[in-house]
Amino acid sequence: MKSVRSAAFIPASVILAGALLAAMPAAAQPATQLSIDSRNPYLWTFDTSNADSQNFLMEITLEGHTVCYGNGLATQPTTGNLWAVLTIDNCNQSSAPRELVTIDPTTGIATDVGPLGTTQKVSSLAFGADSATIYVVTGLGGTDKHTLYQVDPANGELTQLCVAADLGNGDGHTLAYGDGTLYHATMNCNFGEGCATTFELIDTTNLPADPTDPCGGTLISSDDTFLEPTALMFVSSDGGNVTLLMANFTDLYTVEIPGTTGVDGVDITYVRTLSGDSKGLALTGADLVTADLIVTNGAQKFRNKGHRTIEYTLQAVNLGPDTVTGIVVTNPIPTGTTLVSSSIDCTEQFGSLVCDVGTLDPQSNEFFTFTVEVTCKKCSSIDNVVSISTTETIYEYPFNNSSSLTTSVKGKF
């Protein structure tokens, strides 16, 4: 008998124990790490302590709009709510608008807050010291390049604050906030001298009076890292040493900034590969059961006293990381055949074979078999399609939930 454990969510990595976790409501701990996709309308989970974990979470939807992809993600410190910048509607056009939204991480349903326009190309999102302060920065594609704005959380209205560091036309602009400092990451490119990942440490309590002036942050670079930062998240601060998580498209890194800053002072270390290009990193305390369910499909042919039969073997697999309950495998009886027999846990329902898997722990599987007789006289092949599903609310990789198999029945059987 398979063991059953109560629904749980992916444990946070041990490194995520800093101020952001402490600021979240008690019910939100431990937290799940999230990434928003910069090419698709997807949220992903990731676990920095398990590089092999599969981590599709769900598709993001916004009523009345087509969600193209994400441009920023952040957790509201005092509430734990998930906020995002989305590109919507005109997905293949540079004029596609960007929208400020909140996202329910248990459903993927976004709630509209307000438009961020089509010209500024907001490319990141970070909360300040309180839940009412939201910062965004623009990329190179905006009308005002690498410019820092404050966003009204009531309607998305932008107020220009200052101009972030212009580092030799460097690409990649992303933000994170922690312990009173706003971190602006970009790529510092000096033509003829190469590029380096660079961080601007901005004191938001001492911004210039003229919003067209530079923000005046302290610059600190990595001397040997050619990485374009696409997402950034504050993790912790210990004795003045700061730890960040940074995405470079599908690659995730830790960033260590020493308490005494200076040129060549940043230590950037590879952590793992993400399944989708990241444009924002955040935490959520929502109760998520996350797993990757797959189903496989095999066949063996037999001929006995003029009867042609096919025995199918189905395998339901839970790749984890969580235990899943209420799993069902459904296999329509293949066209051109009749059902002869099946495993005891499978029953025929309205032309389909339904097999009760029940509960699967991580990295466990269950096998089922059924036999059909080929009744079609003119068929050259028989197609079989099987799918796997669950009655539990589960967030998982959806692209391998079915398996198709074609078996030739022409000629010698």
Protein backbone atom coordinates (compact mmCIF):
# COMPACT_ATOMS: atom_id res chain seq x y z
CA MET A 1 0.00 0.00 0.00
CA LYS A 2 1.32 3.41 -0.91
CA SER A 3 1.83 5.88 1.90
CA VAL A 4 -0.21 9.07 1.94
CA ARG A 5 0.97 12.40 3.25
CA SER A 6 -0.90 15.63 3.62
CA ALA A 7 -0.71 18.27 0.88
CA ALA A 8 2.39 20.40 1.13
CA PHE A 9 4.28 22.89 -0.95
CA ILE A 10 7.83 22.97 -2.25
CA PRO A 11 10.20 23.79 0.61
CA ALA A 12 12.17 27.00 0.20
CA SER A 13 15.89 26.76 -0.25
CA VAL A 14 17.93 27.14 2.90
CA ILE A 15 19.39 30.39 1.63
CA LEU A 16 16.04 32.16 1.55
CA ALA A 17 15.90 33.01 5.23
CA GLY A 18 16.43 36.74 5.10
CA ALA A 19 14.38 39.82 5.73
CA LEU A 20 11.83 39.15 3.00
CA LEU A 21 10.72 35.89 4.60
CA ALA A 22 10.62 37.55 7.99
CA ALA A 23 8.35 40.28 6.63
CA MET A 24 5.79 37.84 5.25
CA PRO A 25 2.78 36.75 7.32
CA ALA A 26 3.41 33.77 9.61
CA ALA A 27 0.93 31.62 7.65
CA ALA A 28 2.99 32.13 4.51
CA GLN A 29 6.06 30.22 5.69
CA PRO A 30 7.80 28.31 4.27
CA ALA A 31 7.71 29.99 0.89
CA THR A 32 7.73 28.75 -2.68
CA GLN A 33 10.19 30.37 -5.09
CA LEU A 34 8.64 31.68 -8.30
CA SER A 35 9.86 32.91 -11.68
CA ILE A 36 7.82 34.68 -14.37
CA ASP A 37 8.51 33.74 -17.98
CA SER A 38 9.73 36.41 -20.40
CA ARG A 39 8.56 34.53 -23.51
CA ASN A 40 5.32 32.87 -22.42
CA PRO A 41 2.44 33.63 -20.02
CA TYR A 42 3.79 31.17 -17.44
CA LEU A 43 4.72 31.07 -13.79
CA TRP A 44 7.39 28.57 -12.78
CA THR A 45 8.49 27.29 -9.40
CA PHE A 46 12.14 26.61 -8.75
CA ASP A 47 14.12 25.15 -5.88
CA THR A 48 17.70 26.28 -5.47
CA SER A 49 18.46 23.15 -3.43
CA ASN A 50 17.20 20.75 -6.15
CA ALA A 51 18.52 21.51 -9.61
CA ASP A 52 16.64 18.57 -11.15
CA SER A 53 13.15 19.57 -10.03
CA GLN A 54 10.56 20.09 -12.78
CA ASN A 55 8.91 23.39 -12.18
CA PHE A 56 6.05 24.47 -14.46
CA LEU A 57 3.36 25.99 -12.23
CA MET A 58 0.55 27.46 -14.33
CA GLU A 59 -0.51 29.76 -17.14
CA ILE A 60 -1.33 33.39 -16.27
CA THR A 61 -4.70 34.69 -17.45
CA LEU A 62 -6.19 38.19 -17.39
CA GLU A 63 -9.88 38.61 -18.18
CA GLY A 64 -10.50 40.46 -21.42
CA HIS A 65 -6.86 40.31 -22.51
CA THR A 66 -4.30 37.99 -24.07
CA VAL A 67 -1.31 37.63 -21.77
CA CYS A 68 1.88 37.53 -23.83
CA TYR A 69 4.61 37.18 -21.21
CA GLY A 70 5.97 38.65 -17.98
CA ASN A 71 8.18 41.68 -17.42
CA GLY A 72 8.47 41.76 -13.64
CA LEU A 73 7.46 39.92 -10.46
CA ALA A 74 7.56 40.87 -6.77
CA THR A 75 5.98 39.93 -3.44
CA GLN A 76 4.29 42.67 -1.44
CA PRO A 77 6.23 42.62 1.86
CA THR A 78 3.44 43.10 4.42
CA THR A 79 0.73 41.02 2.71
CA GLY A 80 2.58 38.34 0.75
CA ASN A 81 0.50 39.20 -2.34
CA LEU A 82 2.08 38.56 -5.71
CA TRP A 83 2.39 41.51 -8.13
CA ALA A 84 3.58 41.44 -11.72
CA VAL A 85 4.16 43.45 -14.87
CA LEU A 86 2.64 41.74 -17.92
CA THR A 87 2.88 42.43 -21.63
CA ILE A 88 -0.59 41.97 -23.07
CA ASP A 89 -2.58 41.78 -26.32
CA ASN A 90 -0.36 42.80 -29.27
CA CYS A 91 2.14 40.07 -28.52
CA ASN A 92 4.23 40.31 -31.69
CA GLN A 93 4.43 44.10 -31.80
CA SER A 94 6.82 46.48 -30.04
CA SER A 95 3.80 48.63 -29.15
CA ALA A 96 2.28 45.91 -26.95
CA PRO A 97 1.07 47.53 -23.71
CA ARG A 98 2.38 46.60 -20.27
CA GLU A 99 0.02 46.19 -17.37
CA LEU A 100 0.42 46.18 -13.58
CA VAL A 101 -1.48 43.27 -12.04
CA THR A 102 -1.77 41.08 -8.99
CA ILE A 103 -1.73 37.30 -9.49
CA ASP A 104 -3.42 34.58 -7.47
CA PRO A 105 -0.64 31.95 -7.31
CA THR A 106 -3.15 29.17 -6.70
CA THR A 107 -5.05 29.80 -9.95
CA GLY A 108 -2.85 31.98 -12.19
CA ILE A 109 -5.71 34.50 -12.49
CA ALA A 110 -4.42 38.06 -12.71
CA THR A 111 -6.37 41.10 -11.48
CA ASP A 112 -5.81 44.34 -13.36
CA VAL A 113 -4.38 47.27 -11.38
CA GLY A 114 -3.65 49.71 -14.18
CA PRO A 115 -1.78 50.34 -17.44
CA LEU A 116 1.93 51.09 -17.52
CA GLY A 117 1.77 52.37 -21.09
CA THR A 118 3.34 51.26 -24.35
CA THR A 119 6.39 53.54 -24.64
CA GLN A 120 8.39 53.19 -21.42
CA LYS A 121 9.04 49.41 -21.64
CA VAL A 122 8.99 48.72 -17.91
CA SER A 123 11.31 45.78 -17.36
CA SER A 124 11.27 45.05 -13.64
CA LEU A 125 9.33 45.47 -10.39
CA ALA A 126 10.37 45.83 -6.75
CA PHE A 127 8.63 46.87 -3.53
CA GLY A 128 10.31 49.38 -1.26
CA ALA A 129 10.31 49.54 2.52
CA ASP A 130 6.52 49.43 2.66
CA SER A 131 3.70 47.92 0.62
CA ALA A 132 2.72 51.29 -0.84
CA THR A 133 6.03 51.91 -2.61
CA ILE A 134 6.66 50.15 -5.92
CA TYR A 135 9.69 50.80 -8.09
CA VAL A 136 10.11 49.96 -11.76
CA VAL A 137 12.93 50.59 -14.22
CA THR A 138 12.82 50.90 -17.99
CA GLY A 139 15.04 49.04 -20.44
CA LEU A 140 16.81 50.21 -23.56
CA GLY A 141 13.63 49.91 -25.63
CA GLY A 142 11.77 52.60 -23.72
CA THR A 143 11.33 56.23 -24.64
CA ASP A 144 13.23 57.14 -21.47
CA LYS A 145 15.94 54.51 -21.18
CA HIS A 146 17.18 53.04 -17.87
CA THR A 147 14.93 55.38 -15.88
CA LEU A 148 13.66 54.72 -12.36
CA TYR A 149 9.96 55.29 -11.63
CA GLN A 150 7.67 54.96 -8.65
CA VAL A 151 4.31 53.31 -9.39
CA ASP A 152 0.99 54.12 -7.76
CA PRO A 153 -0.31 50.74 -6.48
CA ALA A 154 -3.87 51.98 -6.90
CA ASN A 155 -3.79 52.55 -10.66
CA GLY A 156 -0.29 51.95 -12.09
CA GLU A 157 0.45 55.65 -12.66
CA LEU A 158 4.19 56.30 -13.18
CA THR A 159 6.17 59.07 -11.46
CA GLN A 160 9.74 59.57 -12.69
CA LEU A 161 12.32 59.60 -9.88
CA CYS A 162 15.75 59.68 -11.52
CA VAL A 163 17.91 58.22 -14.27
CA ALA A 164 19.59 54.93 -13.39
CA ALA A 165 23.23 54.39 -14.25
CA ASP A 166 23.97 54.51 -17.99
CA LEU A 167 26.73 51.95 -18.23
CA GLY A 168 28.02 52.10 -21.77
CA ASN A 169 24.72 51.14 -23.41
CA GLY A 170 24.57 48.01 -21.27
CA ASP A 171 21.55 45.76 -21.69
CA GLY A 172 19.46 44.14 -18.98
CA HIS A 173 17.84 46.31 -16.31
CA THR A 174 16.28 44.75 -13.23
CA LEU A 175 15.57 45.70 -9.60
CA ALA A 176 15.49 44.26 -6.09
CA TYR A 177 15.02 45.98 -2.73
CA GLY A 178 16.31 45.02 0.70
CA ASP A 179 17.53 46.58 3.94
CA GLY A 180 16.99 50.15 2.75
CA THR A 181 18.81 49.78 -0.58
CA LEU A 182 17.42 49.51 -4.08
CA TYR A 183 19.64 47.26 -6.24
CA HIS A 184 19.71 48.02 -9.96
CA ALA A 185 21.47 45.37 -12.02
CA THR A 186 22.61 45.86 -15.59
CA MET A 187 25.45 44.97 -17.93
CA ASN A 188 28.28 47.48 -18.15
CA CYS A 189 29.61 47.47 -21.71
CA ASN A 190 32.55 49.61 -22.74
CA PHE A 191 33.13 49.04 -26.40
CA GLY A 192 36.57 47.66 -27.01
CA GLU A 193 36.93 46.66 -23.35
CA GLY A 194 34.15 44.08 -22.98
CA CYS A 195 31.22 43.85 -20.55
CA ALA A 196 30.70 43.13 -16.87
CA THR A 197 27.63 42.54 -14.72
CA THR A 198 27.26 45.69 -12.62
CA PHE A 199 25.08 46.68 -9.67
CA GLU A 200 23.99 50.18 -8.76
CA LEU A 201 23.16 50.54 -5.06
CA ILE A 202 20.59 53.34 -4.81
CA ASP A 203 19.65 55.11 -1.58
CA THR A 204 15.94 55.83 -2.14
CA THR A 205 15.87 58.26 0.80
CA ASN A 206 18.35 60.53 -0.97
CA LEU A 207 17.17 60.81 -4.57
CA PRO A 208 17.80 63.98 -6.63
CA ALA A 209 15.20 66.74 -6.69
CA ASP A 210 15.30 66.83 -10.49
CA PRO A 211 13.94 63.50 -11.85
CA THR A 212 16.09 63.86 -14.97
CA ASP A 213 19.28 63.75 -12.90
CA PRO A 214 21.20 60.53 -12.22
CA CYS A 215 20.05 58.45 -9.26
CA GLY A 216 23.57 58.71 -7.86
CA GLY A 217 23.94 55.12 -6.70
CA THR A 218 27.18 53.39 -5.81
CA LEU A 219 28.47 51.11 -8.58
CA ILE A 220 30.01 47.72 -7.97
CA SER A 221 30.96 45.24 -10.67
CA SER A 222 32.08 41.70 -11.30
CA ASP A 223 35.29 41.86 -13.28
CA ASP A 224 34.97 38.51 -15.05
CA THR A 225 31.25 37.88 -15.53
CA PHE A 226 29.62 38.63 -18.86
CA LEU A 227 25.97 38.14 -17.86
CA GLU A 228 22.90 40.13 -18.80
CA PRO A 229 20.71 40.30 -15.67
CA THR A 230 17.05 39.61 -16.50
CA ALA A 231 15.64 39.18 -12.97
CA LEU A 232 16.78 39.98 -9.43
CA MET A 233 15.58 39.16 -5.91
CA PHE A 234 16.89 40.18 -2.49
CA VAL A 235 17.65 37.18 -0.25
CA SER A 236 19.46 38.31 2.89
CA SER A 237 21.90 40.68 4.54
CA ASP A 238 24.43 39.46 7.08
CA GLY A 239 26.96 41.82 8.62
CA GLY A 240 26.65 44.14 5.64
CA ASN A 241 27.23 41.35 3.14
CA VAL A 242 24.23 41.10 0.79
CA THR A 243 22.97 37.98 -1.02
CA LEU A 244 20.78 38.30 -4.12
CA LEU A 245 19.37 35.82 -6.61
CA MET A 246 19.88 36.83 -10.25
CA ALA A 247 18.59 35.28 -13.44
CA ASN A 248 20.39 35.47 -16.75
CA PHE A 249 17.53 34.21 -18.96
CA THR A 250 17.35 30.50 -18.00
CA ASP A 251 20.41 30.46 -15.72
CA LEU A 252 20.09 31.25 -12.01
CA TYR A 253 22.95 32.67 -9.91
CA THR A 254 23.62 33.83 -6.38
CA VAL A 255 25.18 37.27 -6.08
CA GLU A 256 27.31 38.10 -3.04
CA ILE A 257 28.00 41.80 -2.50
CA PRO A 258 30.51 42.47 0.28
CA GLY A 259 29.87 45.06 2.95
CA THR A 260 32.80 47.14 1.72
CA THR A 261 31.97 47.85 -1.91
CA GLY A 262 34.36 48.61 -4.70
CA VAL A 263 35.16 47.69 -8.26
CA ASP A 264 35.46 43.93 -8.87
CA GLY A 265 33.84 43.20 -5.53
CA VAL A 266 30.87 41.04 -6.61
CA ASP A 267 30.95 37.26 -6.39
CA ILE A 268 28.50 35.59 -8.83
CA THR A 269 27.96 31.82 -8.56
CA TYR A 270 25.90 29.56 -10.83
CA VAL A 271 23.06 27.73 -9.04
CA ARG A 272 20.88 25.94 -11.60
CA THR A 273 19.05 26.16 -14.92
CA LEU A 274 15.47 27.42 -15.00
CA SER A 275 12.93 25.89 -17.37
CA GLY A 276 11.85 29.23 -18.82
CA ASP A 277 13.56 32.58 -19.46
CA SER A 278 13.04 34.59 -16.27
CA LYS A 279 11.96 38.22 -16.08
CA GLY A 280 11.15 38.27 -12.38
CA LEU A 281 11.79 36.30 -9.18
CA ALA A 282 9.62 36.25 -6.06
CA LEU A 283 8.33 34.20 -3.14
CA THR A 284 4.82 33.09 -2.36
CA GLY A 285 3.45 31.52 0.79
CA ALA A 286 0.42 30.05 -0.99
CA ASP A 287 -0.27 26.39 -0.24
CA LEU A 288 0.79 24.75 -3.49
CA VAL A 289 1.03 21.07 -4.34
CA THR A 290 3.50 20.87 -7.21
CA ALA A 291 4.40 17.76 -9.15
CA ASP A 292 5.13 16.48 -12.64
CA LEU A 293 2.78 13.63 -13.60
CA ILE A 294 3.55 11.66 -16.76
CA VAL A 295 2.03 8.63 -18.45
CA THR A 296 3.69 6.16 -20.84
CA ASN A 297 2.15 3.80 -23.35
CA GLY A 298 3.53 0.49 -24.67
CA ALA A 299 2.06 -2.29 -26.84
CA GLN A 300 2.67 -5.93 -27.71
CA LYS A 301 0.87 -7.84 -30.52
CA PHE A 302 -0.45 -11.41 -30.35
CA ARG A 303 -2.24 -13.73 -32.77
CA ASN A 304 -4.13 -16.80 -31.50
CA LYS A 305 -6.48 -18.98 -33.57
CA GLY A 306 -7.21 -16.22 -36.03
CA HIS A 307 -7.73 -13.53 -33.37
CA ARG A 308 -5.47 -10.50 -33.49
CA THR A 309 -4.95 -8.85 -30.09
CA ILE A 310 -2.87 -6.00 -28.70
CA GLU A 311 -1.84 -5.83 -25.06
CA TYR A 312 -1.20 -2.28 -23.89
CA THR A 313 0.91 -1.45 -20.83
CA LEU A 314 0.29 1.94 -19.22
CA GLN A 315 2.57 3.50 -16.64
CA ALA A 316 1.57 6.42 -14.40
CA VAL A 317 4.57 8.24 -12.90
CA ASN A 318 4.92 11.05 -10.36
CA LEU A 319 8.28 12.76 -10.84
CA GLY A 320 7.64 14.91 -7.76
CA PRO A 321 8.50 16.92 -5.84
CA ASP A 322 5.19 16.45 -3.95
CA THR A 323 2.87 13.52 -3.27
CA VAL A 324 -0.31 13.64 -5.38
CA THR A 325 -3.68 12.05 -4.62
CA GLY A 326 -6.73 11.29 -6.76
CA ILE A 327 -4.75 10.33 -9.86
CA VAL A 328 -6.67 8.77 -12.78
CA VAL A 329 -5.43 7.34 -16.08
CA THR A 330 -7.96 7.51 -18.95
CA ASN A 331 -7.58 5.55 -22.19
CA PRO A 332 -10.34 5.64 -24.85
CA ILE A 333 -10.76 2.18 -26.37
CA PRO A 334 -8.81 2.41 -29.66
CA THR A 335 -10.93 2.76 -32.79
CA GLY A 336 -11.16 -0.55 -34.66
CA THR A 337 -10.86 -2.69 -31.53
CA THR A 338 -12.98 -4.15 -28.75
CA LEU A 339 -11.92 -4.49 -25.13
CA VAL A 340 -11.06 -8.06 -24.04
CA SER A 341 -9.63 -7.63 -20.52
CA SER A 342 -7.98 -5.11 -18.21
CA SER A 343 -6.27 -4.69 -14.83
CA ILE A 344 -8.54 -4.98 -11.80
CA ASP A 345 -8.29 -1.25 -11.03
CA CYS A 346 -9.57 -0.29 -14.50
CA THR A 347 -13.21 -0.06 -15.57
CA GLU A 348 -14.83 0.73 -18.91
CA GLN A 349 -16.83 3.96 -18.79
CA PHE A 350 -18.57 5.38 -21.87
CA GLY A 351 -16.09 3.94 -24.34
CA SER A 352 -12.96 4.66 -22.27
CA LEU A 353 -10.92 2.60 -19.89
CA VAL A 354 -10.53 4.50 -16.61
CA CYS A 355 -7.80 3.28 -14.23
CA ASP A 356 -7.73 4.41 -10.60
CA VAL A 357 -4.13 5.20 -9.68
CA GLY A 358 -4.95 6.86 -6.35
CA THR A 359 -1.93 8.28 -4.56
CA LEU A 360 1.61 8.43 -5.89
CA ASP A 361 4.57 9.51 -3.82
CA PRO A 362 7.44 11.37 -5.53
CA GLN A 363 9.46 9.17 -7.89
CA SER A 364 6.91 6.34 -7.73
CA ASN A 365 4.80 4.69 -10.44
CA GLU A 366 1.87 2.36 -11.11
CA PHE A 367 1.38 -0.05 -14.04
CA PHE A 368 -1.87 -1.10 -15.75
CA THR A 369 -2.52 -3.45 -18.67
CA PHE A 370 -5.44 -4.01 -20.98
CA THR A 371 -6.00 -6.15 -24.05
CA VAL A 372 -8.07 -5.36 -27.12
CA GLU A 373 -8.99 -7.46 -30.14
CA VAL A 374 -8.44 -5.85 -33.54
CA THR A 375 -11.80 -6.00 -35.33
CA CYS A 376 -11.05 -3.61 -38.18
CA LYS A 377 -10.35 -5.65 -41.33
CA LYS A 378 -8.96 -2.81 -43.49
CA CYS A 379 -6.93 -0.93 -40.89
CA SER A 380 -3.18 -0.79 -41.41
CA SER A 381 -2.54 0.54 -37.89
CA ILE A 382 -4.25 1.14 -34.55
CA ASP A 383 -3.79 4.39 -32.64
CA ASN A 384 -3.93 4.54 -28.86
CA VAL A 385 -3.97 7.70 -26.72
CA VAL A 386 -3.79 7.70 -22.91
CA SER A 387 -3.88 10.65 -20.51
CA ILE A 388 -3.27 11.25 -16.81
CA SER A 389 -5.12 13.64 -14.50
CA THR A 390 -5.92 14.22 -10.85
CA THR A 391 -8.91 15.37 -8.83
CA GLU A 392 -6.54 17.26 -6.53
CA THR A 393 -5.72 20.92 -7.09
CA ILE A 394 -2.20 20.53 -8.40
CA TYR A 395 0.19 22.78 -10.28
CA GLU A 396 2.35 20.82 -12.67
CA TYR A 397 4.09 20.59 -16.02
CA PRO A 398 1.15 20.06 -18.42
CA PHE A 399 2.94 19.12 -21.62
CA ASN A 400 3.52 15.42 -20.92
CA ASN A 401 0.11 14.42 -19.55
CA SER A 402 -0.71 12.22 -22.51
CA SER A 403 0.99 9.60 -24.65
CA SER A 404 0.18 8.44 -28.18
CA LEU A 405 1.20 5.15 -29.79
CA THR A 406 0.59 3.76 -33.28
CA THR A 407 0.75 -0.02 -33.73
CA SER A 408 0.94 -1.54 -37.20
CA VAL A 409 -1.59 -4.33 -37.83
CA LYS A 410 -0.90 -4.78 -41.54
CA GLY A 411 0.75 -7.95 -42.83
CA LYS A 412 2.17 -10.57 -40.50
CA PHE A 413 0.80 -10.12 -37.01
